[in-house]
Amino acid sequence: MTRRALILAGGGIRVAWQTGALAALDEDGLTFDHGDGTSGGIFTLAMLLSGQRPDEMIRRWTALDIRSFVSPLPLRSYLRSPTDWVAFGGSAGVRDAVLPALGIDLDRVRAADTMTGSFNVADFARKRCVAIPHTEIDEDRLVAGVSLAGVMPAVEHGGRTWTDAVWIQDANLMEAVRRGCDELWVLWCIGNTPRWGAGALEQYVHMIEMSATGALSGELEAIADLNRRRASGEPVLGSTDQVTVHVIRPDLPIPLDPDLVVGRIDAETLIAMGYRDARRYLATRPPGGTPLTEDATRTPARELGARITLRASGATDGGRFGYTLVLEADDLAALSRCPDAEMGVVGTLRHPRLGLLLLGGGTARLTGHGADRRLEVRADVRLHDGVGELAVDVPLPRGRPHAARHHAWRITGPHDVAWSGRADMTAGQAVRALASFEPSGAHHLTDRARALGLAIRLARRDGAAAPVRVPA
């Protein structure tokens, strides 16, 4: 009988992305016998073992003030020489604000019996990653597991110094294999690109990427070797079953923690990205899982792109309808040369009858000319009886900017059941939409300025395709 494990790798605050991926796995009916968390993935595992379903996890992440993660040390600590600082910040925010806001209840975690769990923390004296069973985890070592060196202080507990295990490994696949699991689902949101950047932050991130992906590659090689030995009939760790690994990851690197703290992206968008990425993998996964090579998490470097967020709402049968659409241009230069090329779309919608729905991926395209210019959005939505489609039509006529505030929308179900209506952006939402423009793949101020210039050029051009209207 298959024993399935959920491997929750780190990624700092970006692990909100994992919650969207979990929602997709839950929709597919996947359940797990064991969960393993490292670094930021500890939050996701602790929420699961606290008894939360993905919908509650989504609610808690979207309500969380991300700035709660940041808390200063006592003032006297900063009055010392910087060479004597234990870290840039403290752990009070995580202990006193983040854990309660995320609904992490350690009594429930230790008593959980729906699946076993292991929390990976680094024992500094031994320079080893220790997998602490969920029945033994305590607040000190839970916090230590997310105490990234230089960012938060290491934690003293039981006469030992504990800290984030990311510098040793960021995902403990072999712990699950040792526990008898033979199907591993890895949720990975650390970047792995060939680009070498400049600056202190990028250099620090590169060190994390090298540690995390290097250790993962070593574990994948170990599992490949184990499978070869088991295939020959050798009972490795007491079994001859093959181990299958599924790695769910973004196609392109997702924003770093500082982008969340300063508001360049929010948890809701990361959750929507995670859902889209998991749905894509589930739809195309190879029968034998992800190949056990160093390419398992590799992504290309980002071109200079951008995101912009549209929010609108309106009345519909039974109550209020609303949506958040995040348009993603992965290559602004290419899009400005061909304005009717497709952009990606992620987001959420709320319907009084259908509830909160995550978009499983979609496209946006500028169409038409002059007075008929419009933005066309199409995205998949998972309904209770199958996959439907959300269609949104945003008019963008020349010289009439206010027209863009009125959107026609339609949801079509798998059995030709449809809901439709009009959604409106308030003046405040329109201003926030313009302010939400955020370059992606920008590493310097000059990149950000260039992205803005390309976006303005795109906004001034007409599309080349004929308009397609959404039925009212």
Protein backbone atom coordinates (compact mmCIF):
# COMPACT_ATOMS: atom_id res chain seq x y z
CA MET A 1 0.00 0.00 0.00
CA THR A 2 1.33 3.46 -0.95
CA ARG A 3 2.48 5.64 1.93
CA ARG A 4 2.41 9.26 0.85
CA ALA A 5 4.50 12.07 2.36
CA LEU A 6 4.17 15.85 2.03
CA ILE A 7 7.56 17.57 2.02
CA LEU A 8 7.26 21.27 2.86
CA ALA A 9 10.50 22.99 1.94
CA GLY A 10 11.47 26.45 3.15
CA GLY A 11 11.20 29.80 1.48
CA GLY A 12 10.70 32.34 4.23
CA ILE A 13 7.38 34.19 4.21
CA ARG A 14 6.96 33.09 0.60
CA VAL A 15 5.65 29.75 1.91
CA ALA A 16 2.18 31.32 1.68
CA TRP A 17 2.59 29.95 -1.88
CA GLN A 18 2.43 26.42 -0.41
CA THR A 19 -1.09 27.03 0.90
CA GLY A 20 -2.38 27.53 -2.64
CA ALA A 21 -0.56 24.38 -3.77
CA LEU A 22 -2.14 22.46 -0.88
CA ALA A 23 -5.60 23.64 -1.95
CA ALA A 24 -5.00 22.07 -5.38
CA LEU A 25 -3.73 18.80 -3.87
CA ASP A 26 -6.75 18.72 -1.55
CA GLU A 27 -9.13 19.21 -4.50
CA ASP A 28 -7.46 16.25 -6.18
CA GLY A 29 -8.21 14.11 -3.13
CA LEU A 30 -4.59 13.57 -2.10
CA THR A 31 -4.07 12.68 1.56
CA PHE A 32 -0.78 12.18 3.38
CA ASP A 33 0.55 9.74 5.95
CA HIS A 34 3.49 11.93 6.92
CA GLY A 35 4.40 15.62 6.72
CA ASP A 36 7.89 17.09 6.94
CA GLY A 37 8.71 20.78 7.31
CA THR A 38 11.95 22.74 7.07
CA SER A 39 12.59 26.46 7.53
CA GLY A 40 9.46 28.39 6.44
CA GLY A 41 7.75 25.09 5.59
CA ILE A 42 7.50 24.56 9.36
CA PHE A 43 4.65 27.11 9.42
CA THR A 44 2.68 25.16 6.81
CA LEU A 45 3.20 21.84 8.59
CA ALA A 46 2.26 23.31 11.98
CA MET A 47 -0.94 24.75 10.52
CA LEU A 48 -1.87 21.37 9.03
CA LEU A 49 -1.15 19.52 12.26
CA SER A 50 -3.20 22.14 14.12
CA GLY A 51 -6.17 20.72 12.24
CA GLN A 52 -6.58 23.36 9.53
CA ARG A 53 -7.97 22.75 6.07
CA PRO A 54 -6.59 24.72 3.09
CA ASP A 55 -9.53 27.16 3.09
CA GLU A 56 -8.80 28.16 6.69
CA MET A 57 -5.08 28.38 5.95
CA ILE A 58 -5.84 30.72 3.04
CA ARG A 59 -8.07 32.88 5.25
CA ARG A 60 -5.40 33.16 7.93
CA TRP A 61 -2.56 33.98 5.52
CA THR A 62 -4.56 36.66 3.73
CA ALA A 63 -5.58 38.26 7.05
CA LEU A 64 -2.04 38.21 8.46
CA ASP A 65 -0.13 41.49 8.67
CA ILE A 66 3.13 40.42 7.02
CA ARG A 67 5.00 43.10 8.97
CA SER A 68 4.38 40.99 12.09
CA PHE A 69 7.33 38.84 11.04
CA VAL A 70 9.65 41.79 11.60
CA SER A 71 10.42 42.72 15.20
CA PRO A 72 13.43 44.63 16.56
CA LEU A 73 15.84 43.50 19.22
CA PRO A 74 16.02 45.54 22.45
CA LEU A 75 17.54 48.96 21.77
CA ARG A 76 20.62 48.19 23.85
CA SER A 77 21.48 45.40 21.41
CA TYR A 78 21.87 47.93 18.58
CA LEU A 79 24.03 50.23 20.70
CA ARG A 80 26.83 47.70 20.53
CA SER A 81 29.23 47.46 17.66
CA PRO A 82 27.52 45.83 14.62
CA THR A 83 30.14 43.09 14.87
CA ASP A 84 28.49 42.10 18.19
CA TRP A 85 24.89 42.00 16.95
CA VAL A 86 23.30 38.56 17.33
CA ALA A 87 20.98 39.32 14.38
CA PHE A 88 19.21 42.17 12.63
CA GLY A 89 15.91 41.42 14.37
CA GLY A 90 14.26 39.38 17.09
CA SER A 91 11.73 36.56 17.30
CA ALA A 92 9.04 38.32 19.37
CA GLY A 93 6.92 39.02 16.28
CA VAL A 94 6.92 35.36 15.27
CA ARG A 95 6.16 34.14 18.79
CA ASP A 96 3.58 36.71 19.83
CA ALA A 97 1.87 37.64 16.57
CA VAL A 98 2.56 35.26 13.68
CA LEU A 99 2.01 31.90 15.38
CA PRO A 100 -1.37 32.95 16.90
CA ALA A 101 -2.49 34.64 13.67
CA LEU A 102 -1.71 31.50 11.66
CA GLY A 103 -3.65 29.42 14.19
CA ILE A 104 -0.67 27.30 15.21
CA ASP A 105 -1.63 25.43 18.38
CA LEU A 106 1.29 23.33 19.64
CA ASP A 107 -0.90 21.26 21.96
CA ARG A 108 -2.96 20.21 18.94
CA VAL A 109 0.20 19.68 16.88
CA ARG A 110 1.65 17.29 19.47
CA ALA A 111 -1.67 15.43 19.77
CA ALA A 112 -2.29 15.16 16.00
CA ASP A 113 -3.09 11.65 14.80
CA THR A 114 -4.27 12.23 11.21
CA MET A 115 -0.65 11.99 10.04
CA THR A 116 2.79 11.96 11.58
CA GLY A 117 5.06 14.95 11.28
CA SER A 118 8.72 15.91 11.56
CA PHE A 119 10.15 19.40 12.06
CA ASN A 120 13.71 19.94 10.85
CA VAL A 121 15.94 22.14 13.00
CA ALA A 122 19.73 22.57 12.95
CA ASP A 123 21.68 21.51 16.04
CA PHE A 124 24.55 23.97 15.73
CA ALA A 125 26.99 22.09 18.00
CA ARG A 126 26.64 18.91 15.96
CA LYS A 127 26.18 20.74 12.62
CA ARG A 128 23.34 18.33 11.91
CA CYS A 129 19.75 18.64 10.80
CA VAL A 130 17.56 17.04 13.48
CA ALA A 131 14.07 15.82 12.52
CA ILE A 132 11.99 16.41 15.65
CA PRO A 133 8.80 14.27 15.79
CA HIS A 134 5.60 16.29 15.97
CA THR A 135 4.84 14.70 19.35
CA GLU A 136 7.95 16.37 20.79
CA ILE A 137 8.02 19.79 19.14
CA ASP A 138 8.02 22.85 21.41
CA GLU A 139 7.79 26.58 20.77
CA ASP A 140 11.51 27.22 21.21
CA ARG A 141 12.61 24.73 18.59
CA LEU A 142 9.70 25.61 16.29
CA VAL A 143 10.88 29.24 16.32
CA ALA A 144 14.50 28.10 15.97
CA GLY A 145 13.51 26.25 12.81
CA VAL A 146 12.69 29.59 11.13
CA SER A 147 15.52 31.60 12.74
CA LEU A 148 17.60 32.29 9.67
CA ALA A 149 21.20 33.18 10.55
CA GLY A 150 21.71 36.94 10.62
CA VAL A 151 17.97 37.64 10.44
CA MET A 152 16.83 36.20 13.80
CA PRO A 153 18.90 35.00 16.77
CA ALA A 154 19.63 31.33 17.31
CA VAL A 155 17.62 29.74 20.15
CA GLU A 156 19.08 28.15 23.27
CA HIS A 157 17.10 25.10 24.39
CA GLY A 158 18.07 22.07 26.45
CA GLY A 159 21.67 23.18 26.66
CA ARG A 160 22.03 23.33 22.87
CA THR A 161 21.95 26.05 20.22
CA TRP A 162 19.26 25.59 17.56
CA THR A 163 18.74 27.46 14.30
CA ASP A 164 17.24 27.26 10.81
CA ALA A 165 18.34 24.11 8.98
CA VAL A 166 18.36 25.71 5.51
CA TRP A 167 22.17 25.91 5.44
CA ILE A 168 22.30 22.12 5.83
CA GLN A 169 19.17 21.16 3.89
CA ASP A 170 15.86 22.76 3.05
CA ALA A 171 13.82 19.61 2.50
CA ASN A 172 14.25 16.27 4.27
CA LEU A 173 13.09 13.66 1.79
CA MET A 174 15.07 10.80 3.28
CA GLU A 175 13.36 11.24 6.66
CA ALA A 176 10.08 10.36 4.94
CA VAL A 177 11.71 7.41 3.15
CA ARG A 178 13.10 6.13 6.45
CA ARG A 179 9.56 6.28 7.81
CA GLY A 180 8.40 3.95 5.04
CA CYS A 181 6.93 6.48 2.59
CA ASP A 182 7.25 5.66 -1.10
CA GLU A 183 5.44 8.61 -2.72
CA LEU A 184 6.82 12.04 -1.88
CA TRP A 185 5.18 15.35 -2.82
CA VAL A 186 7.66 18.21 -2.50
CA LEU A 187 6.39 21.82 -2.42
CA TRP A 188 9.44 23.87 -3.41
CA CYS A 189 9.48 27.67 -3.68
CA ILE A 190 13.22 28.47 -3.44
CA GLY A 191 14.70 29.92 -6.64
CA ASN A 192 17.19 27.98 -8.74
CA THR A 193 18.37 30.05 -11.69
CA PRO A 194 21.76 30.36 -13.43
CA ARG A 195 21.86 34.13 -12.89
CA TRP A 196 24.54 35.45 -10.50
CA GLY A 197 23.54 38.86 -9.15
CA ALA A 198 25.22 41.65 -7.24
CA GLY A 199 24.40 43.28 -3.92
CA ALA A 200 24.29 42.01 -0.34
CA LEU A 201 20.70 40.71 -0.47
CA GLU A 202 21.15 38.82 -3.73
CA GLN A 203 24.44 37.34 -2.54
CA TYR A 204 22.77 36.16 0.69
CA VAL A 205 19.92 34.63 -1.31
CA HIS A 206 22.42 32.92 -3.61
CA MET A 207 24.04 31.26 -0.57
CA ILE A 208 20.67 29.94 0.54
CA GLU A 209 19.88 28.71 -2.98
CA MET A 210 23.20 26.88 -3.21
CA SER A 211 22.74 25.19 0.17
CA ALA A 212 19.10 24.30 -0.39
CA THR A 213 19.25 23.08 -3.98
CA GLY A 214 22.61 21.37 -3.51
CA ALA A 215 21.27 19.34 -0.59
CA LEU A 216 18.06 18.52 -2.48
CA SER A 217 20.05 17.29 -5.48
CA GLY A 218 22.02 15.05 -3.13
CA GLU A 219 18.81 13.60 -1.69
CA LEU A 220 17.35 12.99 -5.13
CA GLU A 221 20.55 11.17 -6.11
CA ALA A 222 20.31 9.08 -2.94
CA ILE A 223 16.71 8.13 -3.77
CA ALA A 224 17.69 7.25 -7.37
CA ASP A 225 20.42 4.98 -6.01
CA LEU A 226 17.99 3.46 -3.50
CA ASN A 227 15.53 2.74 -6.34
CA ARG A 228 18.25 1.02 -8.38
CA ARG A 229 19.15 -1.19 -5.44
CA ARG A 230 15.52 -2.01 -4.68
CA ALA A 231 14.88 -2.81 -8.35
CA SER A 232 17.57 -5.50 -8.10
CA GLY A 233 15.69 -7.05 -5.18
CA GLU A 234 17.74 -5.60 -2.32
CA PRO A 235 15.46 -4.63 0.61
CA VAL A 236 16.85 -1.16 1.37
CA LEU A 237 15.43 0.20 4.65
CA GLY A 238 13.28 -2.89 4.82
CA SER A 239 11.46 -2.40 1.51
CA THR A 240 11.82 -3.18 -2.20
CA ASP A 241 9.19 -0.61 -3.29
CA GLN A 242 10.22 2.15 -5.66
CA VAL A 243 10.10 5.72 -4.34
CA THR A 244 8.32 8.25 -6.56
CA VAL A 245 8.97 11.96 -6.11
CA HIS A 246 6.71 14.76 -7.33
CA VAL A 247 8.23 18.26 -7.19
CA ILE A 248 5.78 21.14 -7.47
CA ARG A 249 7.51 24.48 -8.03
CA PRO A 250 6.99 27.81 -9.80
CA ASP A 251 8.01 28.00 -13.45
CA LEU A 252 9.81 31.27 -12.69
CA PRO A 253 11.30 32.56 -9.42
CA ILE A 254 8.75 34.15 -7.09
CA PRO A 255 9.42 37.41 -5.20
CA LEU A 256 11.60 37.47 -2.09
CA ASP A 257 10.50 38.20 1.48
CA PRO A 258 11.42 41.92 1.38
CA ASP A 259 8.92 42.33 -1.48
CA LEU A 260 6.15 41.07 0.81
CA VAL A 261 7.24 43.23 3.74
CA VAL A 262 7.20 46.45 1.67
CA GLY A 263 3.95 45.50 -0.11
CA ARG A 264 5.22 44.79 -3.63
CA ILE A 265 3.29 41.53 -3.53
CA ASP A 266 0.82 40.07 -1.04
CA ALA A 267 0.02 36.66 0.42
CA GLU A 268 -3.17 36.35 -1.62
CA THR A 269 -1.20 36.61 -4.87
CA LEU A 270 1.38 34.07 -3.70
CA ILE A 271 -1.42 31.68 -2.72
CA ALA A 272 -2.99 32.10 -6.16
CA MET A 273 0.40 31.42 -7.78
CA GLY A 274 0.84 28.26 -5.72
CA TYR A 275 -2.60 27.02 -6.72
CA ARG A 276 -1.90 27.72 -10.41
CA ASP A 277 1.49 25.99 -10.27
CA ALA A 278 0.12 22.89 -8.53
CA ARG A 279 -2.85 22.60 -10.89
CA ARG A 280 -0.45 22.81 -13.83
CA TYR A 281 1.72 20.03 -12.41
CA LEU A 282 -1.26 17.83 -11.60
CA ALA A 283 -2.53 18.19 -15.17
CA THR A 284 0.80 17.26 -16.77
CA ARG A 285 2.63 15.12 -14.21
CA PRO A 286 4.63 12.24 -15.66
CA PRO A 287 3.54 8.75 -14.50
CA GLY A 288 6.91 8.13 -12.83
CA GLY A 289 7.01 11.49 -11.10
CA THR A 290 9.69 14.16 -11.41
CA PRO A 291 13.02 12.89 -12.79
CA LEU A 292 15.50 12.49 -9.92
CA THR A 293 18.09 14.90 -11.28
CA GLU A 294 19.45 18.33 -10.40
CA ASP A 295 17.02 19.80 -12.95
CA ALA A 296 14.06 19.04 -10.66
CA THR A 297 13.88 22.64 -9.39
CA ARG A 298 15.78 24.49 -12.12
CA THR A 299 14.11 27.60 -13.56
CA PRO A 300 15.32 30.10 -16.15
CA ALA A 301 16.29 33.58 -15.03
CA ARG A 302 13.43 36.07 -15.25
CA GLU A 303 13.24 38.54 -18.09
CA LEU A 304 12.14 42.03 -17.16
CA GLY A 305 8.40 41.74 -16.60
CA ALA A 306 5.66 43.22 -14.45
CA ARG A 307 2.49 42.52 -12.46
CA ILE A 308 -0.61 44.63 -12.06
CA THR A 309 -3.60 43.83 -9.85
CA LEU A 310 -7.23 44.55 -10.74
CA ARG A 311 -10.00 44.32 -8.14
CA ALA A 312 -13.69 44.75 -8.89
CA SER A 313 -17.03 43.76 -7.37
CA GLY A 314 -20.73 43.91 -8.08
CA ALA A 315 -24.14 42.60 -7.15
CA THR A 316 -25.31 39.24 -8.45
CA ASP A 317 -28.10 36.80 -7.68
CA GLY A 318 -27.82 36.02 -3.98
CA GLY A 319 -25.29 38.64 -2.93
CA ARG A 320 -22.01 40.31 -3.83
CA PHE A 321 -19.54 39.04 -6.40
CA GLY A 322 -15.91 40.14 -6.53
CA TYR A 323 -12.54 39.16 -7.94
CA THR A 324 -8.85 39.91 -7.78
CA LEU A 325 -6.97 39.44 -11.05
CA VAL A 326 -3.18 39.66 -11.14
CA LEU A 327 -1.89 40.13 -14.68
CA GLU A 328 1.64 38.83 -15.20
CA ALA A 329 3.75 39.97 -18.14
CA ASP A 330 6.83 37.74 -18.04
CA ASP A 331 8.65 39.68 -20.79
CA LEU A 332 7.66 43.35 -21.11
CA ALA A 333 9.98 44.01 -24.05
CA ALA A 334 8.39 41.22 -26.10
CA LEU A 335 4.89 42.31 -25.06
CA SER A 336 5.50 45.94 -26.03
CA ARG A 337 6.57 44.76 -29.50
CA CYS A 338 3.44 42.60 -29.82
CA PRO A 339 0.69 44.17 -27.67
CA ASP A 340 -1.87 41.45 -28.38
CA ALA A 341 0.40 38.69 -27.00
CA GLU A 342 -0.91 36.79 -24.01
CA MET A 343 -0.10 37.59 -20.40
CA GLY A 344 -0.55 35.18 -17.53
CA VAL A 345 -3.30 35.58 -14.94
CA VAL A 346 -3.66 34.35 -11.37
CA GLY A 347 -6.18 35.43 -8.78
CA THR A 348 -9.25 34.73 -6.71
CA LEU A 349 -12.97 35.27 -7.00
CA ARG A 350 -15.77 35.32 -4.45
CA HIS A 351 -19.31 34.35 -5.37
CA PRO A 352 -22.25 34.10 -2.95
CA ARG A 353 -23.17 30.61 -4.20
CA LEU A 354 -19.76 29.29 -5.21
CA GLY A 355 -17.70 30.68 -2.30
CA LEU A 356 -14.01 31.58 -2.56
CA LEU A 357 -12.43 30.16 -5.71
CA LEU A 358 -8.80 30.22 -6.81
CA LEU A 359 -8.05 30.63 -10.49
CA GLY A 360 -6.22 27.62 -11.87
CA GLY A 361 -4.34 29.66 -14.44
CA GLY A 362 -5.41 31.82 -17.32
CA THR A 363 -4.48 34.42 -19.88
CA ALA A 364 -5.09 38.11 -20.52
CA ARG A 365 -4.84 39.80 -23.89
CA LEU A 366 -5.26 43.31 -25.28
CA THR A 367 -7.56 43.29 -28.30
CA GLY A 368 -9.18 45.75 -30.69
CA HIS A 369 -8.37 49.33 -31.67
CA GLY A 370 -9.41 52.80 -30.62
CA ALA A 371 -12.94 52.83 -29.19
CA ASP A 372 -13.08 49.01 -29.27
CA ARG A 373 -9.86 48.46 -27.38
CA ARG A 374 -10.30 46.10 -24.44
CA LEU A 375 -8.61 43.66 -22.10
CA GLU A 376 -9.83 40.09 -22.38
CA VAL A 377 -9.27 37.70 -19.46
CA ARG A 378 -9.92 33.96 -19.48
CA ALA A 379 -9.13 31.73 -16.50
CA ASP A 380 -10.00 28.25 -15.27
CA VAL A 381 -11.97 27.85 -12.05
CA ARG A 382 -12.55 24.61 -10.18
CA LEU A 383 -16.27 24.25 -9.42
CA HIS A 384 -17.88 21.54 -7.31
CA ASP A 385 -18.85 19.58 -10.44
CA GLY A 386 -15.75 20.13 -12.55
CA VAL A 387 -13.65 22.82 -14.19
CA GLY A 388 -15.35 25.99 -15.41
CA GLU A 389 -14.16 29.23 -16.96
CA LEU A 390 -14.17 32.83 -15.80
CA ALA A 391 -14.32 35.39 -18.59
CA VAL A 392 -13.84 39.10 -17.89
CA ASP A 393 -14.06 41.90 -20.45
CA VAL A 394 -12.52 45.27 -19.51
CA PRO A 395 -13.10 48.17 -21.97
CA LEU A 396 -10.04 50.35 -22.61
CA PRO A 397 -11.25 52.87 -25.21
CA ARG A 398 -8.96 55.73 -26.21
CA GLY A 399 -9.68 58.93 -24.30
CA ARG A 400 -12.17 57.33 -21.89
CA PRO A 401 -10.16 56.03 -18.91
CA HIS A 402 -13.27 55.81 -16.70
CA ALA A 403 -14.71 53.10 -18.97
CA ALA A 404 -12.09 50.67 -17.64
CA ARG A 405 -13.88 50.69 -14.30
CA HIS A 406 -16.86 48.69 -15.66
CA HIS A 407 -16.24 45.00 -16.35
CA ALA A 408 -18.50 42.37 -17.90
CA TRP A 409 -17.94 38.93 -16.36
CA ARG A 410 -19.23 35.43 -16.95
CA ILE A 411 -18.60 32.08 -15.23
CA THR A 412 -19.41 29.04 -17.35
CA GLY A 413 -19.69 25.68 -15.62
CA PRO A 414 -18.89 22.26 -17.08
CA HIS A 415 -22.57 21.55 -17.85
CA ASP A 416 -23.36 24.87 -19.55
CA VAL A 417 -24.52 26.38 -16.28
CA ALA A 418 -23.57 30.05 -16.28
CA TRP A 419 -23.51 33.08 -14.02
CA SER A 420 -22.88 36.55 -15.41
CA GLY A 421 -23.10 40.21 -14.58
CA ARG A 422 -21.16 43.43 -14.26
CA ALA A 423 -18.42 44.28 -11.78
CA ASP A 424 -17.23 47.79 -11.04
CA MET A 425 -13.95 49.21 -9.81
CA THR A 426 -14.32 52.06 -7.37
CA ALA A 427 -12.23 55.17 -7.90
CA GLY A 428 -10.01 54.01 -5.06
CA GLN A 429 -9.58 50.56 -6.60
CA ALA A 430 -8.69 52.16 -9.94
CA VAL A 431 -5.99 54.24 -8.28
CA ARG A 432 -4.70 51.19 -6.41
CA ALA A 433 -4.64 49.22 -9.67
CA LEU A 434 -2.33 51.80 -11.22
CA ALA A 435 -0.22 51.89 -8.05
CA SER A 436 0.01 48.08 -8.04
CA PHE A 437 2.26 48.08 -11.11
CA GLU A 438 5.30 46.11 -9.95
CA PRO A 439 8.28 45.12 -12.09
CA SER A 440 9.44 41.50 -11.89
CA GLY A 441 12.96 40.41 -12.70
CA ALA A 442 14.17 43.92 -11.80
CA HIS A 443 17.44 43.92 -9.89
CA HIS A 444 18.31 47.64 -9.95
CA LEU A 445 16.52 51.00 -10.01
CA THR A 446 17.40 51.31 -13.69
CA ASP A 447 15.54 48.02 -14.35
CA ARG A 448 12.46 49.38 -12.58
CA ALA A 449 12.59 52.59 -14.60
CA ARG A 450 12.96 50.61 -17.83
CA ALA A 451 9.98 48.40 -16.89
CA LEU A 452 7.82 51.46 -16.31
CA GLY A 453 8.87 52.90 -19.67
CA LEU A 454 7.98 49.66 -21.47
CA ALA A 455 4.60 49.54 -19.71
CA ILE A 456 3.79 53.11 -20.75
CA ARG A 457 4.77 52.26 -24.32
CA LEU A 458 2.47 49.24 -24.20
CA ALA A 459 -0.43 51.27 -22.77
CA ARG A 460 -0.17 53.76 -25.65
CA ARG A 461 -0.28 51.10 -28.38
CA ASP A 462 -3.34 49.47 -29.89
CA GLY A 463 -3.80 45.71 -30.05
CA ALA A 464 -3.86 43.94 -33.41
CA ALA A 465 -6.51 41.33 -32.80
CA ALA A 466 -10.22 41.67 -33.40
CA PRO A 467 -12.25 42.25 -30.22
CA VAL A 468 -14.11 39.39 -28.62
CA ARG A 469 -16.93 40.42 -26.31
CA VAL A 470 -18.10 38.58 -23.22
CA PRO A 471 -21.86 37.93 -23.28
CA ALA A 472 -23.72 39.85 -20.60
